[in-house]
Protein backbone atom coordinates (compact mmCIF):
# COMPACT_ATOMS: atom_id res chain seq x y z
CA MET A 1 76.33 110.53 81.60
CA VAL A 2 72.70 111.61 81.31
CA ILE A 3 69.48 109.81 82.14
CA SER A 4 67.79 108.74 78.92
CA THR A 5 64.04 108.92 78.46
CA THR A 6 64.00 105.13 78.17
CA SER A 7 65.58 104.73 81.59
CA ILE A 8 63.28 107.32 83.11
CA ALA A 9 60.23 105.48 81.85
CA ARG A 10 61.61 102.26 83.19
CA VAL A 11 61.74 103.60 86.75
CA ALA A 12 58.60 105.74 86.41
CA LEU A 13 60.27 109.03 87.22
CA ALA A 14 57.57 111.34 86.00
CA GLY A 15 59.07 114.19 87.97
CA LEU A 16 62.32 113.93 86.04
CA LEU A 17 60.42 114.16 82.78
CA ALA A 18 58.96 117.38 84.07
CA LEU A 19 62.51 118.65 84.50
CA GLY A 20 63.05 118.20 80.78
CA ILE A 21 65.76 115.54 80.81
CA GLN A 22 66.53 114.54 77.23
CA ALA A 23 68.20 111.61 75.60
CA ALA A 24 71.99 111.57 75.80
CA PRO A 25 73.58 114.50 73.91
CA ARG A 26 76.83 114.45 72.03
CA ARG A 27 79.87 113.67 74.12
CA VAL A 28 82.27 116.47 74.90
CA SER A 29 85.91 116.68 75.76
CA ALA A 30 87.56 118.21 78.83
CA SER A 31 87.67 121.52 77.02
CA GLY A 32 83.99 121.32 76.15
CA ALA A 33 84.65 120.65 72.46
CA GLY A 34 82.82 117.81 70.73
CA VAL A 35 84.72 114.59 70.11
CA GLN A 36 83.83 111.44 68.26
CA ALA A 37 83.45 108.06 69.89
CA ALA A 38 86.57 105.91 69.87
CA THR A 39 87.16 104.18 66.55
CA PRO A 40 88.40 100.61 66.78
CA SER A 41 91.96 100.22 65.57
CA ALA A 42 93.16 97.31 63.47
CA ALA A 43 96.13 96.80 65.76
CA PRO A 44 95.79 96.37 69.55
CA LEU A 45 97.16 99.06 71.82
CA ARG A 46 100.70 98.20 72.87
CA LEU A 47 100.73 98.56 76.64
CA ALA A 48 103.62 98.40 79.12
CA ILE A 49 103.20 97.70 82.84
CA ALA A 50 105.48 99.66 85.18
CA GLY A 51 105.64 97.97 88.56
CA LEU A 52 104.02 94.90 90.12
CA VAL A 53 103.81 95.89 93.79
CA HIS A 54 100.33 97.41 93.58
CA GLY A 55 97.85 94.59 94.13
CA HIS A 56 95.35 95.98 91.64
CA VAL A 57 97.67 94.85 88.85
CA THR A 58 96.15 91.37 89.12
CA GLY A 59 92.68 92.49 88.09
CA PHE A 60 94.12 94.75 85.41
CA LEU A 61 96.09 91.91 83.84
CA ARG A 62 93.04 89.64 83.85
CA LEU A 63 91.01 92.37 82.14
CA ALA A 64 93.74 93.00 79.55
CA GLN A 65 94.18 89.31 78.71
CA ALA A 66 90.45 88.94 78.12
CA ARG A 67 90.49 91.62 75.41
CA THR A 68 91.68 91.75 71.81
CA ASP A 69 92.20 95.52 71.59
CA VAL A 70 95.21 95.60 73.91
CA GLN A 71 98.50 93.70 74.06
CA ILE A 72 100.84 93.59 77.06
CA VAL A 73 104.25 94.08 75.43
CA GLY A 74 106.43 94.80 78.46
CA VAL A 75 106.41 94.41 82.24
CA PHE A 76 108.88 96.13 84.54
CA ASP A 77 109.68 95.44 88.17
CA PRO A 78 113.09 95.38 89.88
CA ASP A 79 112.15 92.30 91.95
CA GLU A 80 113.16 89.14 90.08
CA ALA A 81 110.99 86.85 92.19
CA LEU A 82 107.97 89.02 91.60
CA ARG A 83 108.59 89.08 87.85
CA HIS A 84 108.88 85.29 87.78
CA SER A 85 105.70 84.89 89.83
CA TYR A 86 103.65 87.02 87.46
CA ALA A 87 105.14 85.38 84.38
CA GLN A 88 104.06 81.99 85.69
CA ARG A 89 100.64 83.04 86.96
CA TYR A 90 99.59 84.85 83.79
CA LYS A 91 101.52 82.71 81.32
CA LEU A 92 103.47 85.68 79.99
CA ALA A 93 106.64 85.26 77.94
CA ASP A 94 109.86 85.75 79.88
CA ASP A 95 111.25 88.12 77.26
CA ILE A 96 108.66 90.83 77.99
CA PHE A 97 109.86 91.18 81.61
CA PHE A 98 112.48 93.78 82.50
CA ALA A 99 114.44 94.80 85.59
CA ASP A 100 115.05 98.28 84.11
CA MET A 101 112.12 100.55 83.20
CA ALA A 102 114.00 102.71 80.69
CA ALA A 103 115.30 99.62 78.90
CA MET A 104 111.78 98.22 78.70
CA LEU A 105 110.29 101.40 77.26
CA ASP A 106 113.07 101.72 74.68
CA ARG A 107 112.96 98.05 73.70
CA VAL A 108 109.24 97.34 73.40
CA LYS A 109 108.13 100.84 72.30
CA PRO A 110 104.65 100.82 73.87
CA ASP A 111 101.78 103.15 73.06
CA ALA A 112 100.98 103.73 76.73
CA VAL A 113 102.09 102.84 80.25
CA ALA A 114 100.04 101.59 83.20
CA ALA A 115 101.77 102.16 86.55
CA PHE A 116 101.42 99.73 89.45
CA THR A 117 104.28 100.96 91.61
CA SER A 118 103.99 102.47 95.07
CA THR A 119 102.48 105.95 95.07
CA TYR A 120 105.91 107.34 95.97
CA ASP A 121 107.33 106.10 92.65
CA HIS A 122 104.65 107.68 90.43
CA PRO A 123 106.82 110.69 89.45
CA ILE A 124 109.61 108.37 88.26
CA VAL A 125 107.23 106.48 85.99
CA VAL A 126 105.66 109.64 84.57
CA GLU A 127 109.04 111.26 83.94
CA ALA A 128 110.26 108.20 82.04
CA ALA A 129 107.05 107.98 80.01
CA ALA A 130 106.94 111.72 79.32
CA ALA A 131 110.48 111.63 77.92
CA ARG A 132 109.12 109.17 75.34
CA HIS A 133 105.78 110.96 74.84
CA LEU A 134 103.69 108.11 76.24
CA THR A 135 100.28 108.35 77.91
CA VAL A 136 100.37 107.16 81.54
CA MET A 137 97.66 105.79 83.79
CA MET A 138 98.33 105.12 87.48
CA GLU A 139 96.35 103.76 90.37
CA LYS A 140 94.97 106.30 92.82
CA PRO A 141 96.09 108.58 94.38
CA LEU A 142 98.24 110.73 92.13
CA ALA A 143 101.07 111.40 94.56
CA VAL A 144 102.28 111.28 98.17
CA SER A 145 102.74 115.05 98.33
CA THR A 146 102.07 118.28 96.48
CA GLU A 147 105.76 118.41 95.61
CA HIS A 148 105.52 115.02 93.87
CA ALA A 149 102.27 116.06 92.16
CA ARG A 150 103.98 119.14 90.71
CA ARG A 151 106.86 116.98 89.45
CA ILE A 152 104.29 114.91 87.59
CA GLU A 153 102.59 118.03 86.24
CA ARG A 154 105.89 119.46 84.96
CA ALA A 155 106.91 116.17 83.34
CA ALA A 156 103.53 115.85 81.62
CA ALA A 157 103.83 119.39 80.27
CA ARG A 158 107.35 118.78 78.98
CA GLY A 159 106.37 115.59 77.23
CA GLY A 160 102.99 116.80 76.03
CA ILE A 161 101.35 113.68 77.48
CA GLN A 162 98.11 112.80 79.19
CA VAL A 163 98.25 111.53 82.78
CA LEU A 164 95.26 109.61 84.14
CA VAL A 165 94.52 108.52 87.71
CA ASN A 166 92.36 105.42 88.09
CA TYR A 167 89.72 105.19 90.82
CA GLU A 168 87.19 102.37 91.01
CA THR A 169 84.46 104.94 91.63
CA THR A 170 85.16 106.78 88.37
CA TRP A 171 83.36 104.00 86.53
CA TYR A 172 80.28 103.97 88.78
CA ALA A 173 77.15 104.62 86.71
CA ASN A 174 75.30 106.06 89.72
CA HIS A 175 77.88 108.83 90.06
CA GLY A 176 77.27 109.87 86.47
CA THR A 177 73.56 110.07 87.17
CA ILE A 178 74.19 112.25 90.22
CA TRP A 179 76.13 114.65 88.00
CA THR A 180 73.24 114.82 85.56
CA LEU A 181 70.68 115.52 88.26
CA MET A 182 72.62 117.85 90.51
CA LYS A 183 74.85 119.64 88.03
CA GLU A 184 73.52 119.58 84.48
CA ARG A 185 69.86 119.81 85.53
CA ALA A 186 70.40 121.56 88.91
CA ALA A 187 67.40 119.54 90.08
CA GLY A 188 68.16 120.08 93.77
CA GLY A 189 69.80 123.49 93.68
CA ALA A 190 73.36 124.21 94.77
CA ILE A 191 75.32 121.43 96.45
CA ARG A 192 75.91 122.17 100.13
CA LYS A 193 77.34 118.97 101.61
CA ILE A 194 79.13 115.91 100.23
CA VAL A 195 79.84 112.86 102.39
CA ALA A 196 82.16 110.11 101.13
CA LEU A 197 82.49 106.86 103.07
CA ASP A 198 85.29 104.67 101.73
CA GLY A 199 87.27 101.73 103.01
CA HIS A 200 87.21 98.09 104.06
CA GLN A 201 88.33 95.86 106.93
CA GLY A 202 91.96 96.80 106.33
CA PRO A 203 94.74 95.45 104.10
CA LYS A 204 95.75 92.87 106.71
CA LYS A 205 92.27 91.40 107.14
CA ILE A 206 91.55 91.23 103.41
CA ASN A 207 94.95 89.55 102.86
CA VAL A 208 96.53 91.84 100.29
CA GLN A 209 99.77 90.62 98.71
CA PRO A 210 102.88 90.96 100.93
CA GLU A 211 104.56 93.39 98.52
CA PHE A 212 101.37 95.50 98.49
CA PHE A 213 101.03 95.48 102.30
CA ALA A 214 104.66 96.51 102.72
CA TRP A 215 104.27 99.89 101.03
CA LEU A 216 100.61 100.54 101.92
CA THR A 217 101.67 100.66 105.56
CA ASP A 218 104.77 102.76 104.90
CA PRO A 219 104.18 106.49 105.61
CA ILE A 220 106.74 107.48 102.98
CA LYS A 221 105.75 105.21 100.10
CA ASN A 222 101.99 105.57 100.66
CA GLY A 223 102.01 109.09 102.09
CA ALA A 224 99.93 107.94 105.06
CA GLY A 225 97.65 104.98 105.80
CA ALA A 226 93.87 104.88 105.38
CA LEU A 227 93.90 108.67 104.96
CA PHE A 228 95.62 108.46 101.57
CA ASP A 229 94.46 104.97 100.59
CA PHE A 230 90.75 105.81 100.92
CA GLY A 231 90.59 109.53 101.62
CA CYS A 232 91.54 110.18 98.01
CA TYR A 233 88.17 108.85 96.78
CA GLY A 234 86.17 111.50 98.61
CA ALA A 235 88.59 114.27 97.67
CA ASN A 236 88.37 113.21 94.02
CA LEU A 237 84.56 113.17 93.95
CA MET A 238 84.18 116.42 95.90
CA THR A 239 86.59 118.22 93.59
CA TRP A 240 84.60 116.97 90.60
CA LEU A 241 81.15 117.84 91.94
CA LEU A 242 82.32 121.31 93.00
CA ASP A 243 83.83 122.17 89.61
CA ASN A 244 87.49 121.86 90.68
CA GLU A 245 87.06 124.43 93.44
CA ARG A 246 90.00 124.40 95.82
CA PRO A 247 88.98 124.19 99.48
CA ILE A 248 89.56 126.99 101.95
CA ALA A 249 90.78 124.69 104.71
CA VAL A 250 90.98 121.10 105.92
CA THR A 251 90.62 119.64 109.43
CA THR A 252 91.46 116.00 110.21
CA LEU A 253 91.00 113.51 113.01
CA ALA A 254 93.25 110.46 112.50
CA GLN A 255 93.47 107.50 114.88
CA HIS A 256 95.11 104.10 115.38
CA PHE A 257 92.46 101.50 116.19
CA GLN A 258 94.84 98.65 115.29
CA PRO A 259 98.30 99.89 116.38
CA ASP A 260 99.67 96.37 116.57
CA VAL A 261 98.80 95.78 112.91
CA TYR A 262 99.53 99.26 111.55
CA PRO A 263 102.12 100.77 113.90
CA ARG A 264 103.44 103.37 111.42
CA VAL A 265 100.27 104.75 109.85
CA GLU A 266 96.72 105.65 110.88
CA ASP A 267 93.93 103.20 110.11
CA GLU A 268 91.05 105.62 110.71
CA ALA A 269 90.62 109.17 109.40
CA THR A 270 87.79 111.69 109.26
CA VAL A 271 88.40 114.83 107.21
CA LEU A 272 86.31 118.00 107.15
CA VAL A 273 86.84 119.90 103.91
CA GLU A 274 85.75 123.53 104.05
CA TYR A 275 84.59 125.31 100.90
CA ALA A 276 83.21 128.81 100.42
CA LYS A 277 79.59 127.60 100.22
CA ALA A 278 79.79 123.88 100.89
CA GLN A 279 81.23 121.25 103.21
CA GLY A 280 82.85 117.93 102.46
CA LEU A 281 83.14 115.07 104.92
CA ILE A 282 85.55 112.23 104.15
CA GLN A 283 85.39 109.05 106.21
CA ALA A 284 88.34 106.84 105.30
CA SER A 285 88.81 103.62 107.20
CA TRP A 286 90.60 100.30 107.43
CA ASN A 287 88.08 99.36 110.13
CA TRP A 288 84.76 99.07 108.32
CA PRO A 289 83.16 95.64 108.88
CA PHE A 290 82.63 95.44 105.10
CA ASN A 291 83.83 97.02 101.87
CA ARG A 292 82.19 100.32 101.08
CA LYS A 293 82.43 103.17 98.61
CA ASP A 294 79.30 105.16 99.32
CA LEU A 295 78.58 108.75 98.38
CA GLU A 296 75.97 111.15 99.77
CA VAL A 297 75.25 114.48 98.08
CA TYR A 298 73.01 117.06 99.73
CA ALA A 299 71.79 120.09 97.79
CA GLU A 300 69.54 123.00 98.72
CA ARG A 301 66.36 121.15 97.75
CA GLY A 302 67.37 117.55 97.19
CA ALA A 303 69.75 114.72 97.93
CA ALA A 304 71.27 111.65 96.29
CA PHE A 305 72.72 108.52 97.84
CA ALA A 306 74.99 106.31 95.71
CA GLY A 307 75.85 102.83 96.90
CA THR A 308 78.98 100.73 96.55
CA GLY A 309 79.44 99.12 93.14
CA GLY A 310 77.83 101.78 90.97
CA SER A 311 74.30 100.46 90.49
CA GLY A 312 72.42 101.52 93.62
CA LEU A 313 71.05 105.06 93.74
CA ARG A 314 68.33 106.77 95.74
CA VAL A 315 67.23 110.35 95.09
CA THR A 316 65.04 112.92 96.82
CA LEU A 317 63.98 115.94 94.78
CA PRO A 318 61.45 118.77 95.19
CA ASP A 319 57.92 117.33 95.27
CA GLN A 320 59.36 113.83 94.91
CA PRO A 321 59.82 111.55 97.91
CA ASP A 322 62.82 109.27 98.26
CA HIS A 323 62.89 106.87 95.32
CA ALA A 324 65.25 104.52 93.50
CA VAL A 325 66.84 105.46 90.20
CA THR A 326 68.36 103.00 87.74
CA PRO A 327 71.44 104.57 86.13
CA ASP A 328 71.97 104.20 82.40
CA PRO A 329 74.91 102.11 81.13
CA ARG A 330 78.21 103.89 80.77
CA PRO A 331 79.60 104.84 77.35
CA ALA A 332 81.96 102.26 75.88
CA ASP A 333 85.06 104.36 76.59
CA GLU A 334 84.08 104.94 80.24
CA ARG A 335 83.01 101.49 81.41
CA ASP A 336 86.37 100.63 82.93
CA SER A 337 89.88 101.98 83.30
CA LEU A 338 91.37 100.04 80.39
CA SER A 339 88.71 101.10 77.89
CA HIS A 340 89.26 104.71 78.90
CA LEU A 341 93.04 104.43 78.69
CA ILE A 342 92.83 102.95 75.20
CA ALA A 343 90.59 105.80 74.01
CA VAL A 344 92.85 108.47 75.48
CA ALA A 345 96.08 106.86 74.24
CA ARG A 346 94.65 106.64 70.71
CA GLY A 347 93.71 110.32 70.83
CA SER A 348 89.97 109.85 70.39
CA ARG A 349 89.24 111.76 73.60
CA LYS A 350 90.77 113.50 76.61
CA PRO A 351 90.78 112.05 80.14
CA ASN A 352 87.46 112.46 81.90
CA ALA A 353 87.28 114.92 84.76
CA LEU A 354 87.67 112.39 87.56
CA SER A 355 90.77 110.87 85.94
CA SER A 356 92.28 114.21 84.98
CA LEU A 357 95.51 115.68 86.23
CA ALA A 358 93.76 118.98 87.04
CA ASN A 359 91.38 117.28 89.45
CA ASN A 360 94.04 115.14 91.05
CA LEU A 361 96.42 118.01 91.69
CA ILE A 362 93.71 119.46 93.93
CA VAL A 363 93.11 116.03 95.48
CA THR A 364 96.78 115.93 96.44
CA GLU A 365 96.56 119.37 98.02
CA ILE A 366 93.60 118.20 100.10
CA LEU A 367 95.41 115.04 101.23
CA ASP A 368 98.59 116.97 101.98
CA ALA A 369 96.67 119.44 104.13
CA ALA A 370 94.74 116.61 105.80
CA ARG A 371 97.99 114.89 106.76
CA GLN A 372 99.35 118.12 108.20
CA SER A 373 96.15 118.68 110.16
CA ALA A 374 96.33 115.16 111.59
CA ARG A 375 99.88 115.82 112.78
CA THR A 376 99.22 119.24 114.27
CA HIS A 377 95.62 118.69 115.46
CA ALA A 378 94.74 122.02 113.85
CA ARG A 379 92.75 123.43 110.95
CA VAL A 380 95.03 123.83 107.92
CA ALA A 381 94.29 126.57 105.40
CA LEU A 382 95.22 125.90 101.80
CA PRO A 383 97.54 128.45 100.19
CA PRO A 384 95.99 131.00 97.84
CA GLY A 385 95.35 129.73 94.33
CA PRO A 386 92.77 129.58 91.57
CA ARG A 387 89.31 129.03 93.07
CA THR A 388 87.63 127.23 90.16
CA ASN A 389 88.35 125.55 86.86
CA PRO A 390 86.61 127.58 84.12
CA ALA A 391 86.08 124.48 81.99
CA PRO A 392 83.01 122.29 82.54
CA VAL A 393 83.95 119.07 84.32
CA GLY A 394 81.14 116.56 83.92
CA LEU A 395 82.06 112.90 83.94
CA GLN A 396 82.30 112.85 80.14
CA LYS A 397 83.74 116.36 79.91
């Protein structure tokens, strides 16, 4: 996303005009090549749902049923009671529900798959979809371990498919504006520190569904507790803003503030992510007194503060005091996860950088190292690997 001249005038950012910000340029793909905007198709996208134990499936189904460009053609979950509950609640036909994922995919022949299983089961879903050359989107994070992430990567390569990871914050307009200011325009110089504050009062206090709570608080199925549930947001955004640079090391402090509620996993985690010329600080919590997904970006000569929800943004730049910025609307194929999935599944574009497999493989490495650091109470160095992604990785790139 870029800041248009119309938006700049609206918020009286004369300093930004001096930086030469132009109206939105052509969109580009992950490789940097130009792509056309998604062209509406006469037939709706045929979409299969794999799993019902991730609570975010409720909002996804409501979004899908309100649209005409997508059709839910199959729903898999091994739990009969859960299948019946969702069939009743969303008035879905019984014959689109399956107890066997392979049977569903072969019977209904979808165009894409949306996964709402536990994180532990993500490789199984991707392997089944890849065998049938189907695009897959899953809820964050990508995997419970680097080993699982590599299984997903290998399956995607074998099947020649796209794998997307959905984060709420991917669709925040204020994050796109931060990219424009700090990366495309380098308005504040090089980024030196990124602080991500993510979490809520905890799955118990916000009354998540029982099937969701069961695996969120399972160290195997979720990988950890708040560390994986909310730490992934910061790791995802840091990896994006630092051009897919892999960290040097990770240091974690994890604690149990509610051991009676979450006896098997941590509910509080602070992660220091060490880069060659920058620092990342992830604050992931099931103990915030309110929901938050806030991002702070500090550069050599400026800073940006993005608030929860995607609309709030404050910026400080050279010769410009702290001021509010109104982000421009998102492109049609990046306003929400379903719009983006439809565009990718139809081949009109590649996954954006935040949703991409490349980004989320690094996210998994960070989370894996953070978990190890929490266990050992020591700084964990990441193994040698490629330092940067040579391709540009803006939100629409």
